[in-house]
Amino acid sequence: MALPAALQNLALPVVASPMFIVSYPELVLAQCKAGIVGSFPALNARPAELLDEWLTQIQEQLAVHKAANPGAAIGPIAVNQIVHQSNARLEHDVRVCVERKVPIFITSLRAPAKEIIDAVHSYGGIVLHDVINIRHAQKALEAGVDGLILVAAGAGGHAGTTSPFALVGEVRRIFDGPIVLSGAIANGGSILAAQAMGADLAYMGTRFIATREAHAVEGYKQAIINSNASDIIYTNLFTGVHGNYIRESIANAGLDPDALPESDKSKMNFAGDKARAWKDIWGAGQGVGLMNDIPTVDELVARLKREYDEAKERLAIGRCGLGALS
């Protein structure tokens, strides 16, 4: 099945994931200008009125960049909407994004209502939905989403526990549309591997936190560089939904990373005071051990592209070698 137009003609098959308190216009613009999908959570724009200003700023600057670089690959904008009863802004944020004709909606936590999907489809936009297991995938497809983002084991933020190999395989048995895969994807070889196992694009978040344009404090960026996979703690304490967080930030908050209490989903509150917790508790995926610098987004995407092409070349050489032996 052919990919929707919004996901075609990218410099690299990558969707930058929308990261709470990290993905601001500067980062999104850099991602889109580098030729990948740039995204941000609608809830990052606070107060709510700022959302329209952000979208106007991003769209206007991308139009100027496109006019100055007519041959360049420019990625589309995606905005994340938290589809949950705690998000009192959902109706407002959806309306603003529809008015601005945002090409890609990324919905999370619950499958979006038909009214949201119809509104996005009315101007040719698409809806991609985050899922962590096959049951969630089935519900999202029944709701009518256009594609799935598989948040597999090892991903940053609200990740699942299923191996990407298993999750992609099971979803491909029921769905031949767009699949975006997340889970410790930190270099170009991992992007190619995601495609090799059946996904269309890679979903990358943590690697973009450790970039110059990311709206993250230097301590957060440095903690990513200093950490390994064993420093990532999986807990539901901070939002009511299980996610991956950096050990150092948990310890700095006065908590024992190895003895965290359990929470429950009733404590979820993504649009209120709960946001303050994310300033001190830092989300990250298990791919942190492969990150050792803080480049610009443009430098990072160029590096990922080189690694992606080199991985393709290695596979081609390997196939030739196997052929010679057979």
Protein backbone atom coordinates (compact mmCIF):
# COMPACT_ATOMS: atom_id res chain seq x y z
CA MET A 1 0.00 0.00 0.00
CA ALA A 2 1.38 3.40 -0.98
CA LEU A 3 2.17 5.84 1.79
CA PRO A 4 -0.02 8.95 2.18
CA ALA A 5 1.39 12.01 0.46
CA ALA A 6 2.34 13.59 3.79
CA LEU A 7 4.79 10.75 4.45
CA GLN A 8 6.37 10.70 1.00
CA ASN A 9 9.38 12.57 -0.39
CA LEU A 10 11.22 12.83 2.92
CA ALA A 11 15.01 13.11 3.10
CA LEU A 12 14.95 10.16 5.50
CA PRO A 13 12.05 7.89 6.58
CA VAL A 14 11.83 9.41 10.05
CA VAL A 15 9.06 10.93 12.14
CA ALA A 16 10.44 12.96 15.03
CA SER A 17 8.30 12.13 18.03
CA PRO A 18 6.47 14.92 19.90
CA MET A 19 8.14 15.36 23.29
CA PHE A 20 6.55 17.06 26.25
CA ILE A 21 8.40 20.28 27.27
CA VAL A 22 11.10 19.52 24.68
CA SER A 23 9.54 19.92 21.22
CA TYR A 24 9.10 23.66 20.66
CA PRO A 25 8.98 25.58 17.35
CA GLU A 26 12.77 25.90 17.04
CA LEU A 27 13.18 22.11 17.14
CA VAL A 28 10.17 21.43 14.88
CA LEU A 29 11.37 23.92 12.28
CA ALA A 30 14.86 22.39 12.25
CA GLN A 31 13.41 18.90 11.82
CA CYS A 32 11.13 19.91 8.94
CA LYS A 33 13.91 21.88 7.22
CA ALA A 34 16.15 18.81 7.49
CA GLY A 35 13.55 16.84 5.54
CA ILE A 36 11.88 14.70 8.22
CA VAL A 37 8.49 14.97 9.92
CA GLY A 38 8.71 17.52 12.74
CA SER A 39 6.24 17.33 15.59
CA PHE A 40 5.21 18.76 18.94
CA PRO A 41 2.51 18.08 21.54
CA ALA A 42 -0.32 20.61 21.40
CA LEU A 43 -0.04 20.84 25.18
CA ASN A 44 3.47 22.29 24.91
CA ALA A 45 1.85 25.53 23.78
CA ARG A 46 0.80 27.15 27.05
CA PRO A 47 -1.51 28.99 27.38
CA ALA A 48 -3.80 27.41 24.80
CA GLU A 49 -3.87 30.59 22.72
CA LEU A 50 -0.18 30.09 21.96
CA LEU A 51 -0.95 27.04 19.80
CA ASP A 52 -2.24 29.14 16.90
CA GLU A 53 0.78 31.44 17.18
CA TRP A 54 3.17 28.48 17.04
CA LEU A 55 1.48 26.98 14.00
CA THR A 56 1.45 30.33 12.22
CA GLN A 57 5.15 30.83 12.97
CA ILE A 58 6.13 27.34 11.83
CA GLN A 59 4.05 27.41 8.65
CA GLU A 60 5.23 30.88 7.63
CA GLN A 61 8.90 30.09 8.19
CA LEU A 62 8.64 26.80 6.31
CA ALA A 63 7.01 28.62 3.38
CA VAL A 64 9.91 31.08 3.30
CA HIS A 65 12.43 28.23 3.49
CA LYS A 66 10.69 26.37 0.67
CA ALA A 67 10.70 29.44 -1.56
CA ALA A 68 14.42 29.93 -0.94
CA ASN A 69 15.21 26.23 -1.44
CA PRO A 70 12.84 24.97 -4.16
CA GLY A 71 14.61 21.62 -4.57
CA ALA A 72 14.93 20.76 -0.90
CA ALA A 73 12.99 18.02 0.85
CA ILE A 74 10.91 19.70 3.54
CA GLY A 75 9.10 17.58 6.08
CA PRO A 76 5.50 18.20 7.17
CA ILE A 77 4.30 19.27 10.61
CA ALA A 78 2.64 16.82 12.99
CA VAL A 79 0.82 17.77 16.18
CA ASN A 80 0.19 15.36 19.03
CA GLN A 81 -3.24 15.33 20.68
CA ILE A 82 -3.77 13.55 24.02
CA VAL A 83 -7.16 11.87 23.66
CA HIS A 84 -8.05 11.51 27.32
CA GLN A 85 -10.69 12.91 29.66
CA SER A 86 -8.03 14.76 31.67
CA ASN A 87 -7.17 16.87 28.60
CA ALA A 88 -9.61 19.75 28.92
CA ARG A 89 -7.98 21.42 25.90
CA LEU A 90 -8.62 18.66 23.38
CA GLU A 91 -11.59 20.28 21.61
CA HIS A 92 -9.83 23.65 21.39
CA ASP A 93 -6.54 22.19 20.18
CA VAL A 94 -8.17 20.01 17.54
CA ARG A 95 -10.16 22.96 16.24
CA VAL A 96 -7.06 25.15 15.92
CA CYS A 97 -5.08 22.41 14.15
CA VAL A 98 -7.95 21.73 11.75
CA GLU A 99 -8.26 25.44 10.98
CA ARG A 100 -4.53 25.51 10.28
CA LYS A 101 -4.83 22.31 8.20
CA VAL A 102 -2.07 20.50 10.06
CA PRO A 103 -1.18 17.62 7.71
CA ILE A 104 -0.55 14.97 10.40
CA PHE A 105 -2.32 14.39 13.71
CA ILE A 106 -0.61 12.06 16.19
CA THR A 107 -3.16 10.84 18.71
CA SER A 108 -2.28 9.15 22.00
CA LEU A 109 -3.72 7.16 24.91
CA ARG A 110 -7.16 6.54 23.43
CA ALA A 111 -8.33 6.07 19.87
CA PRO A 112 -9.69 9.34 18.48
CA ALA A 113 -13.41 9.87 17.98
CA LYS A 114 -14.88 9.72 14.49
CA GLU A 115 -15.50 13.48 14.63
CA ILE A 116 -11.77 14.16 14.98
CA ILE A 117 -10.81 11.79 12.17
CA ASP A 118 -13.49 13.21 9.86
CA ALA A 119 -12.34 16.76 10.59
CA VAL A 120 -8.73 15.90 9.71
CA HIS A 121 -9.79 14.02 6.58
CA SER A 122 -11.92 16.99 5.43
CA TYR A 123 -8.81 18.80 4.16
CA GLY A 124 -6.66 15.79 3.30
CA GLY A 125 -4.84 15.35 6.61
CA ILE A 126 -4.03 12.00 8.19
CA VAL A 127 -4.24 10.56 11.69
CA LEU A 128 -1.49 8.36 13.14
CA HIS A 129 -2.20 6.72 16.49
CA ASP A 130 0.24 5.57 19.20
CA VAL A 131 -0.20 1.94 20.28
CA ILE A 132 1.81 -0.37 22.54
CA ASN A 133 0.10 -3.70 21.80
CA ILE A 134 -2.06 -5.51 19.27
CA ARG A 135 -5.29 -4.84 21.20
CA HIS A 136 -4.73 -1.10 21.07
CA ALA A 137 -3.86 -1.40 17.37
CA GLN A 138 -7.13 -3.16 16.63
CA LYS A 139 -9.16 -0.51 18.47
CA ALA A 140 -7.41 2.29 16.61
CA LEU A 141 -8.00 0.66 13.24
CA GLU A 142 -11.66 0.13 14.10
CA ALA A 143 -11.87 3.86 14.87
CA GLY A 144 -10.59 4.63 11.36
CA VAL A 145 -7.08 5.98 11.85
CA ASP A 146 -4.81 6.14 8.80
CA GLY A 147 -1.68 4.68 10.35
CA LEU A 148 -0.16 3.28 13.51
CA ILE A 149 2.84 4.29 15.57
CA LEU A 150 4.13 1.22 17.38
CA VAL A 151 5.72 2.28 20.65
CA ALA A 152 7.66 -0.89 21.40
CA ALA A 153 9.94 -1.95 24.25
CA GLY A 154 12.81 0.44 24.90
CA ALA A 155 11.14 3.57 23.56
CA GLY A 156 11.19 6.81 25.49
CA GLY A 157 8.07 8.20 27.12
CA HIS A 158 4.97 6.02 27.44
CA ALA A 159 6.43 2.86 25.95
CA GLY A 160 5.16 -0.69 25.88
CA THR A 161 6.97 -3.89 26.74
CA THR A 162 6.56 -5.86 23.51
CA SER A 163 9.56 -6.54 21.29
CA PRO A 164 9.47 -4.50 18.07
CA PHE A 165 9.98 -7.73 16.11
CA ALA A 166 6.85 -9.26 17.61
CA LEU A 167 4.75 -6.09 17.51
CA VAL A 168 5.47 -5.20 13.90
CA GLY A 169 4.86 -8.77 12.79
CA GLU A 170 1.51 -9.06 14.58
CA VAL A 171 0.28 -5.68 13.34
CA ARG A 172 1.32 -6.43 9.76
CA ARG A 173 -0.92 -9.50 9.83
CA ILE A 174 -3.99 -7.24 10.21
CA PHE A 175 -2.91 -3.95 8.62
CA ASP A 176 -1.13 -3.09 5.37
CA GLY A 177 -1.15 0.68 5.88
CA PRO A 178 1.49 3.07 7.28
CA ILE A 179 3.44 1.79 10.28
CA VAL A 180 5.92 3.94 12.19
CA LEU A 181 8.15 2.10 14.66
CA SER A 182 9.60 3.37 17.93
CA GLY A 183 11.97 1.67 20.35
CA ALA A 184 15.62 2.67 20.99
CA ILE A 185 16.16 3.83 17.40
CA ALA A 186 19.31 5.93 17.66
CA ASN A 187 21.21 5.66 14.36
CA GLY A 188 20.77 5.18 10.63
CA GLY A 189 21.20 1.43 10.79
CA SER A 190 18.28 1.20 13.21
CA ILE A 191 16.10 3.17 10.78
CA LEU A 192 16.86 0.66 8.04
CA ALA A 193 16.27 -2.22 10.44
CA ALA A 194 12.81 -0.85 11.23
CA GLN A 195 11.97 -0.97 7.54
CA ALA A 196 13.49 -4.41 7.14
CA MET A 197 11.16 -5.87 9.76
CA GLY A 198 8.08 -4.35 8.10
CA ALA A 199 7.68 -0.75 9.27
CA ASP A 200 7.58 2.15 6.82
CA LEU A 201 9.25 4.80 8.96
CA ALA A 202 11.16 5.15 12.21
CA TYR A 203 9.90 7.18 15.17
CA MET A 204 12.77 8.95 16.93
CA GLY A 205 12.58 11.03 20.09
CA THR A 206 15.42 10.71 22.58
CA ARG A 207 18.14 11.32 19.99
CA PHE A 208 16.55 14.73 19.24
CA ILE A 209 16.53 15.77 22.90
CA ALA A 210 20.33 15.84 22.77
CA THR A 211 20.40 18.44 19.99
CA ARG A 212 21.10 22.15 20.18
CA GLU A 213 17.60 23.15 19.11
CA ALA A 214 15.78 21.03 21.70
CA HIS A 215 13.96 22.96 24.43
CA ALA A 216 15.61 20.96 27.21
CA VAL A 217 17.91 22.10 29.99
CA GLU A 218 21.58 21.27 29.54
CA GLY A 219 21.44 18.87 32.47
CA TYR A 220 18.83 16.80 30.63
CA LYS A 221 20.88 16.67 27.46
CA GLN A 222 24.03 15.78 29.39
CA ALA A 223 22.18 13.05 31.32
CA ILE A 224 21.30 11.40 28.00
CA ILE A 225 24.95 11.43 26.95
CA ASN A 226 26.05 10.05 30.34
CA SER A 227 23.46 7.25 30.47
CA ASN A 228 23.30 3.67 29.23
CA ALA A 229 20.31 1.39 28.72
CA SER A 230 20.63 0.16 32.31
CA ASP A 231 20.01 3.73 33.51
CA ILE A 232 16.48 3.79 32.06
CA ILE A 233 13.74 3.09 34.61
CA TYR A 234 10.29 1.84 33.58
CA THR A 235 7.57 3.14 35.93
CA ASN A 236 4.01 4.45 36.01
CA LEU A 237 4.57 6.68 39.04
CA PHE A 238 4.77 10.03 37.31
CA THR A 239 1.74 10.03 35.00
CA GLY A 240 -0.22 6.88 35.81
CA VAL A 241 0.97 5.28 32.56
CA HIS A 242 4.17 3.25 32.35
CA GLY A 243 7.06 5.02 30.71
CA ASN A 244 10.86 5.15 30.56
CA TYR A 245 12.81 7.72 32.55
CA ILE A 246 16.46 8.53 33.32
CA ARG A 247 17.68 7.14 36.64
CA GLU A 248 19.72 10.27 37.42
CA SER A 249 16.67 12.56 37.29
CA ILE A 250 14.65 10.27 39.56
CA ALA A 251 17.46 10.15 42.10
CA ASN A 252 17.90 13.93 41.92
CA ALA A 253 14.23 14.29 42.83
CA GLY A 254 14.91 12.47 46.09
CA LEU A 255 13.40 9.14 45.04
CA ASP A 256 14.93 5.67 44.99
CA PRO A 257 14.88 4.55 41.33
CA ASP A 258 14.95 0.91 42.42
CA ALA A 259 12.04 1.17 44.85
CA LEU A 260 9.41 3.37 43.22
CA PRO A 261 5.78 2.96 44.33
CA GLU A 262 3.05 2.02 41.87
CA SER A 263 0.56 4.58 40.58
CA ASP A 264 -2.70 4.18 38.67
CA LYS A 265 -4.35 5.59 35.56
CA SER A 266 -6.79 7.68 37.58
CA LYS A 267 -3.88 10.02 38.35
CA MET A 268 -3.33 10.96 34.71
CA ASN A 269 -3.50 14.70 34.18
CA PHE A 270 -1.68 15.87 31.08
CA ALA A 271 -3.18 19.35 30.85
CA GLY A 272 -2.85 20.55 34.44
CA ASP A 273 -0.29 20.86 37.21
CA LYS A 274 1.04 17.36 36.50
CA ALA A 275 3.14 18.93 33.72
CA ARG A 276 5.46 20.34 36.36
CA ALA A 277 6.79 16.88 37.16
CA TRP A 278 8.31 16.57 33.69
CA LYS A 279 10.64 19.51 34.34
CA ASP A 280 12.58 17.41 36.83
CA ILE A 281 11.82 13.82 35.75
CA TRP A 282 13.36 13.23 32.33
CA GLY A 283 11.99 10.73 29.85
CA ALA A 284 14.34 8.81 27.55
CA GLY A 285 14.57 5.54 25.65
CA GLN A 286 17.03 2.68 26.01
CA GLY A 287 19.07 3.90 23.04
CA VAL A 288 20.82 6.52 25.21
CA GLY A 289 24.01 4.46 25.31
CA LEU A 290 24.50 5.16 21.59
CA MET A 291 24.41 8.95 22.03
CA ASN A 292 27.56 10.87 22.89
CA ASP A 293 27.21 14.40 21.51
CA ILE A 294 24.83 17.36 21.11
CA PRO A 295 24.78 18.25 17.39
CA THR A 296 22.43 20.54 15.51
CA VAL A 297 19.39 18.84 14.00
CA ASP A 298 20.78 19.41 10.52
CA GLU A 299 24.07 17.74 11.47
CA LEU A 300 22.24 14.85 13.11
CA VAL A 301 19.94 14.14 10.17
CA ALA A 302 22.88 14.29 7.74
CA ARG A 303 24.71 11.76 9.93
CA LEU A 304 21.64 9.50 10.13
CA LYS A 305 21.35 9.62 6.34
CA ARG A 306 25.00 8.59 5.93
CA GLU A 307 24.56 5.75 8.40
CA TYR A 308 21.35 4.66 6.69
CA ASP A 309 23.05 4.56 3.28
CA GLU A 310 26.10 2.77 4.72
CA ALA A 311 23.83 0.13 6.27
CA LYS A 312 22.19 -0.43 2.90
CA GLU A 313 25.60 -0.82 1.31
CA ARG A 314 26.73 -3.33 3.95
CA LEU A 315 23.65 -5.44 3.30
CA ALA A 316 24.23 -5.33 -0.45
CA ILE A 317 27.83 -6.46 0.03
CA GLY A 318 26.68 -9.19 2.38
CA ARG A 319 24.19 -10.50 -0.16
CA CYS A 320 26.91 -10.61 -2.81
CA GLY A 321 29.17 -12.54 -0.45
CA LEU A 322 26.47 -15.04 0.38
CA GLY A 323 25.77 -15.49 -3.30
CA ALA A 324 29.41 -16.24 -4.01
CA LEU A 325 29.46 -18.91 -1.30
CA SER A 326 26.29 -20.68 -2.44
